[in-house]
């Protein structure tokens, strides 16, 4: 048995790997995450330093670009600040998908991870996610409200403030991702595009050629990075 943790900025996902499949998937607030020592191994990707410090006594193997058991080569980039979740995404893409591939992880931030045909991580991009953009508008202005996320893509410009925010943020961020892929396809015409993350279902329909990974995609990358191939 292996417990795998994906410790994100907002939420942490935890699941148990039994050598053949994942089970017992849980989603907990990262800010309140507490774990006691376990009788089985734990491996984690963590992008929340305070949580990593808090869990130092829970016997967890934290992966990184400098600490992983995979054939993905991260040497083309500066590994010292590369997020562990991005490392896991690159490893999962190289293991399960045809290369070259681009992983677009849609969460608090939207990240892009690009792996070439030689299993080299060659870089990517980072942008604020939809919820973060909404929060920035609300916190940085006097009158704009923070509005909830929806799954419908706005078809028309907004005729009121709320709809104007939806149109601006929700269509705008699709345009950002589309431009990323447009640039990449000039170098990688046969690029495999993979969407993952909690907001992946919003983006995927706008890119019919893309594949929507299952909910265990990043967790698979974490376990592989930790050296647990089966």
Protein backbone atom coordinates (compact mmCIF):
# COMPACT_ATOMS: atom_id res chain seq x y z
CA UNK A 1 0.00 0.00 0.00
CA UNK A 2 1.13 3.52 -0.80
CA UNK A 3 -0.49 6.83 0.13
CA UNK A 4 -0.06 9.51 -2.52
CA UNK A 5 -0.62 13.21 -1.82
CA UNK A 6 -1.00 16.10 -4.24
CA UNK A 7 -0.66 19.13 -1.94
CA UNK A 8 -1.91 22.17 -3.83
CA UNK A 9 -2.29 25.82 -2.96
CA UNK A 10 -5.96 25.46 -2.01
CA UNK A 11 -6.76 21.76 -1.70
CA UNK A 12 -4.88 18.52 -1.13
CA UNK A 13 -5.89 15.29 -2.83
CA UNK A 14 -4.98 12.03 -1.13
CA UNK A 15 -5.45 8.51 -2.51
CA UNK A 16 -4.20 4.99 -1.77
CA UNK A 17 -2.35 2.98 -4.42
CA UNK A 18 -2.58 -0.80 -3.99
CA UNK A 19 -0.25 -1.76 -6.82
CA UNK A 20 -2.96 -1.84 -9.45
CA UNK A 21 -5.29 1.11 -8.91
CA UNK A 22 -6.09 4.09 -6.73
CA UNK A 23 -8.83 4.11 -4.13
CA UNK A 24 -10.09 6.17 -1.18
CA UNK A 25 -9.65 9.53 -2.95
CA UNK A 26 -10.07 12.46 -0.54
CA UNK A 27 -9.97 16.22 -1.04
CA UNK A 28 -9.01 18.32 1.98
CA UNK A 29 -8.20 22.01 2.55
CA UNK A 30 -4.42 22.38 2.40
CA UNK A 31 -4.30 25.12 5.03
CA UNK A 32 -5.70 22.74 7.67
CA UNK A 33 -3.95 19.55 6.54
CA UNK A 34 -2.59 17.43 9.38
CA UNK A 35 -1.24 13.85 9.16
CA UNK A 36 0.10 11.41 11.71
CA UNK A 37 2.84 8.85 10.92
CA UNK A 38 1.59 5.88 8.86
CA UNK A 39 2.47 2.17 8.69
CA UNK A 40 2.94 2.37 4.90
CA UNK A 41 4.98 4.63 2.58
CA UNK A 42 3.83 8.11 1.64
CA UNK A 43 4.93 10.13 -1.37
CA UNK A 44 3.85 13.67 -2.15
CA UNK A 45 4.10 16.63 -4.47
CA UNK A 46 3.81 19.88 -2.53
CA UNK A 47 3.58 23.48 -3.74
CA UNK A 48 2.62 24.88 -0.32
CA UNK A 49 5.82 25.30 1.75
CA UNK A 50 4.00 25.89 5.05
CA UNK A 51 2.21 22.55 4.69
CA UNK A 52 5.48 20.80 3.87
CA UNK A 53 7.05 22.18 7.04
CA UNK A 54 3.99 21.23 9.09
CA UNK A 55 4.08 17.63 7.81
CA UNK A 56 7.77 17.08 8.46
CA UNK A 57 7.02 14.46 11.10
CA UNK A 58 4.60 12.45 8.97
CA UNK A 59 7.32 10.46 7.14
CA UNK A 60 6.63 11.67 3.61
CA UNK A 61 8.94 11.41 0.57
CA UNK A 62 8.55 14.74 -1.23
CA UNK A 63 9.32 14.58 -4.94
CA UNK A 64 11.03 17.26 -7.00
CA UNK A 65 12.82 17.63 -10.33
CA UNK A 66 16.00 16.74 -8.45
CA UNK A 67 14.43 13.85 -6.52
CA UNK A 68 12.50 11.50 -8.78
CA UNK A 69 12.64 7.98 -10.21
CA UNK A 70 11.68 8.41 -13.86
CA UNK A 71 13.19 8.64 -17.32
CA UNK A 72 12.07 12.22 -17.85
CA UNK A 73 15.03 14.55 -18.27
CA UNK A 74 14.54 17.89 -16.51
CA UNK A 75 18.05 19.19 -17.21
CA UNK A 76 17.01 21.55 -20.06
CA UNK A 77 15.37 23.87 -17.51
CA UNK A 78 16.19 25.51 -14.18
CA UNK A 79 15.05 22.77 -11.78
CA UNK A 80 15.57 24.74 -8.59
CA UNK A 81 12.16 26.43 -8.67
CA UNK A 82 10.15 23.91 -10.70
CA UNK A 83 6.95 22.98 -8.85
CA UNK A 84 6.57 19.36 -7.81
CA UNK A 85 3.09 19.19 -9.34
CA UNK A 86 4.56 20.17 -12.71
CA UNK A 87 7.21 17.48 -12.30
CA UNK A 88 4.49 14.91 -11.67
CA UNK A 89 2.46 16.08 -14.68
CA UNK A 90 5.46 15.77 -16.98
CA UNK A 91 6.21 12.26 -15.73
CA UNK A 92 2.60 11.12 -16.11
CA UNK A 93 2.42 12.51 -19.65
CA UNK A 94 5.63 10.73 -20.65
CA UNK A 95 4.35 7.47 -19.16
CA UNK A 96 0.80 7.37 -20.54
CA UNK A 97 0.60 9.59 -23.64
CA UNK A 98 2.19 9.92 -27.05
CA UNK A 99 4.99 12.48 -27.15
CA UNK A 100 5.59 15.34 -27.68
CA UNK A 101 2.89 16.42 -25.27
CA UNK A 102 1.61 19.50 -23.48
CA UNK A 103 -0.11 19.21 -20.11
CA UNK A 104 -2.40 22.07 -19.12
CA UNK A 105 -3.22 21.84 -15.41
CA UNK A 106 -6.19 24.06 -14.56
CA UNK A 107 -6.40 24.94 -10.88
CA UNK A 108 -5.62 27.97 -8.72
CA UNK A 109 -2.94 28.63 -11.31
CA UNK A 110 -2.97 27.33 -14.87
CA UNK A 111 0.31 25.67 -15.69
CA UNK A 112 1.71 24.33 -18.94
CA UNK A 113 4.25 21.51 -19.03
CA UNK A 114 5.85 20.53 -22.35
CA UNK A 115 7.66 17.21 -22.88
CA UNK A 116 9.39 16.56 -26.21
CA UNK A 117 9.75 13.28 -28.10
CA UNK A 118 12.94 12.41 -26.22
CA UNK A 119 11.22 12.61 -22.83
CA UNK A 120 12.82 15.94 -22.03
CA UNK A 121 10.92 18.56 -20.06
CA UNK A 122 11.55 21.65 -22.17
CA UNK A 123 9.60 24.30 -20.24
CA UNK A 124 6.12 25.71 -19.97
CA UNK A 125 4.02 28.60 -18.70
CA UNK A 126 2.15 29.78 -15.62
CA UNK A 127 -0.91 32.03 -15.47
CA UNK A 128 -3.60 32.77 -12.87
CA UNK A 129 -6.64 30.51 -13.00
CA UNK A 130 -10.23 31.70 -13.37
CA UNK A 131 -10.93 31.89 -9.64
CA UNK A 132 -7.70 33.76 -8.97
CA UNK A 133 -8.47 36.25 -11.71
CA UNK A 134 -11.91 36.89 -10.20
CA UNK A 135 -10.38 37.39 -6.77
CA UNK A 136 -7.76 39.80 -8.14
CA UNK A 137 -10.47 41.94 -9.75
CA UNK A 138 -12.47 42.06 -6.51
CA UNK A 139 -9.47 42.81 -4.28
CA UNK A 140 -7.86 45.31 -6.61
CA UNK A 141 -10.92 47.46 -7.31
CA UNK A 142 -13.50 49.29 -5.23
CA UNK A 143 -16.72 48.12 -6.88
CA UNK A 144 -16.14 44.89 -8.79
CA UNK A 145 -17.59 41.82 -7.01
CA UNK A 146 -15.99 38.38 -6.80
CA UNK A 147 -18.33 36.11 -8.74
CA UNK A 148 -18.60 32.31 -8.61
CA UNK A 149 -17.28 29.99 -11.30
CA UNK A 150 -19.62 28.53 -13.89
CA UNK A 151 -19.14 25.87 -16.54
CA UNK A 152 -20.87 27.69 -19.41
CA UNK A 153 -18.64 29.62 -21.81
CA UNK A 154 -20.13 33.11 -22.34
CA UNK A 155 -21.31 33.60 -25.91
CA UNK A 156 -21.85 37.36 -25.82
CA UNK A 157 -20.25 40.42 -24.28
CA UNK A 158 -21.62 41.41 -20.89
CA UNK A 159 -24.53 43.81 -20.56
CA UNK A 160 -23.96 44.17 -16.81
CA UNK A 161 -20.92 44.07 -14.56
CA UNK A 162 -21.21 40.42 -13.56
CA UNK A 163 -21.60 39.21 -17.13
CA UNK A 164 -18.79 41.52 -18.25
CA UNK A 165 -16.47 39.84 -15.73
CA UNK A 166 -17.57 36.40 -16.90
CA UNK A 167 -16.99 37.28 -20.53
CA UNK A 168 -13.69 38.98 -19.82
CA UNK A 169 -12.22 36.27 -17.60
CA UNK A 170 -13.78 33.09 -18.96
CA UNK A 171 -13.32 33.74 -22.66
CA UNK A 172 -10.06 35.59 -22.09
CA UNK A 173 -8.36 32.69 -20.33
CA UNK A 174 -9.41 30.31 -23.10
CA UNK A 175 -7.69 32.72 -25.48
CA UNK A 176 -4.53 32.59 -23.37
CA UNK A 177 -4.41 28.79 -23.50
CA UNK A 178 -5.20 28.84 -27.22
CA UNK A 179 -2.25 31.16 -27.85
CA UNK A 180 0.05 28.87 -25.86
CA UNK A 181 -0.94 25.95 -28.08
CA UNK A 182 -0.67 28.00 -31.25
CA UNK A 183 2.94 28.84 -30.42
CA UNK A 184 3.78 25.25 -29.49
CA UNK A 185 2.32 23.70 -32.64
CA UNK A 186 4.76 25.70 -34.77
CA UNK A 187 7.54 23.60 -33.23
CA UNK A 188 5.57 20.43 -32.44
CA UNK A 189 2.92 19.92 -35.19
CA UNK A 190 1.87 16.51 -33.78
CA UNK A 191 1.53 17.77 -30.21
CA UNK A 192 -0.62 15.73 -27.80
CA UNK A 193 -2.66 18.10 -25.60
CA UNK A 194 -3.78 16.95 -22.14
CA UNK A 195 -6.04 18.86 -19.77
CA UNK A 196 -6.08 18.06 -16.07
CA UNK A 197 -6.93 19.77 -12.78
CA UNK A 198 -10.18 20.79 -11.15
CA UNK A 199 -11.10 23.29 -13.87
CA UNK A 200 -9.98 21.10 -16.77
CA UNK A 201 -13.57 20.22 -17.68
CA UNK A 202 -14.23 23.89 -18.41
CA UNK A 203 -11.38 24.24 -20.89
CA UNK A 204 -11.39 20.90 -22.70
CA UNK A 205 -14.55 21.44 -24.84
CA UNK A 206 -12.93 24.48 -26.48
CA UNK A 207 -10.08 22.30 -27.74
CA UNK A 208 -11.63 19.25 -29.46
CA UNK A 209 -8.23 17.77 -30.28
CA UNK A 210 -7.30 17.68 -26.58
CA UNK A 211 -7.65 14.80 -24.15
CA UNK A 212 -9.10 15.20 -20.66
CA UNK A 213 -7.03 13.17 -18.20
CA UNK A 214 -8.72 11.21 -15.45
CA UNK A 215 -8.71 12.44 -11.87
CA UNK A 216 -5.67 10.32 -10.96
CA UNK A 217 -3.34 11.73 -13.63
CA UNK A 218 -1.12 13.85 -11.36
CA UNK A 219 -1.28 11.24 -8.59
CA UNK A 220 0.12 8.66 -11.04
CA UNK A 221 2.97 11.03 -11.81
CA UNK A 222 3.69 11.44 -8.10
CA UNK A 223 3.80 7.70 -7.42
CA UNK A 224 6.05 7.12 -10.46
CA UNK A 225 8.35 9.93 -9.35
CA UNK A 226 8.53 8.22 -5.97
CA UNK A 227 9.70 4.99 -7.58
CA UNK A 228 6.44 3.03 -7.29
CA UNK A 229 5.90 1.69 -10.79
CA UNK A 230 3.45 -1.02 -9.72
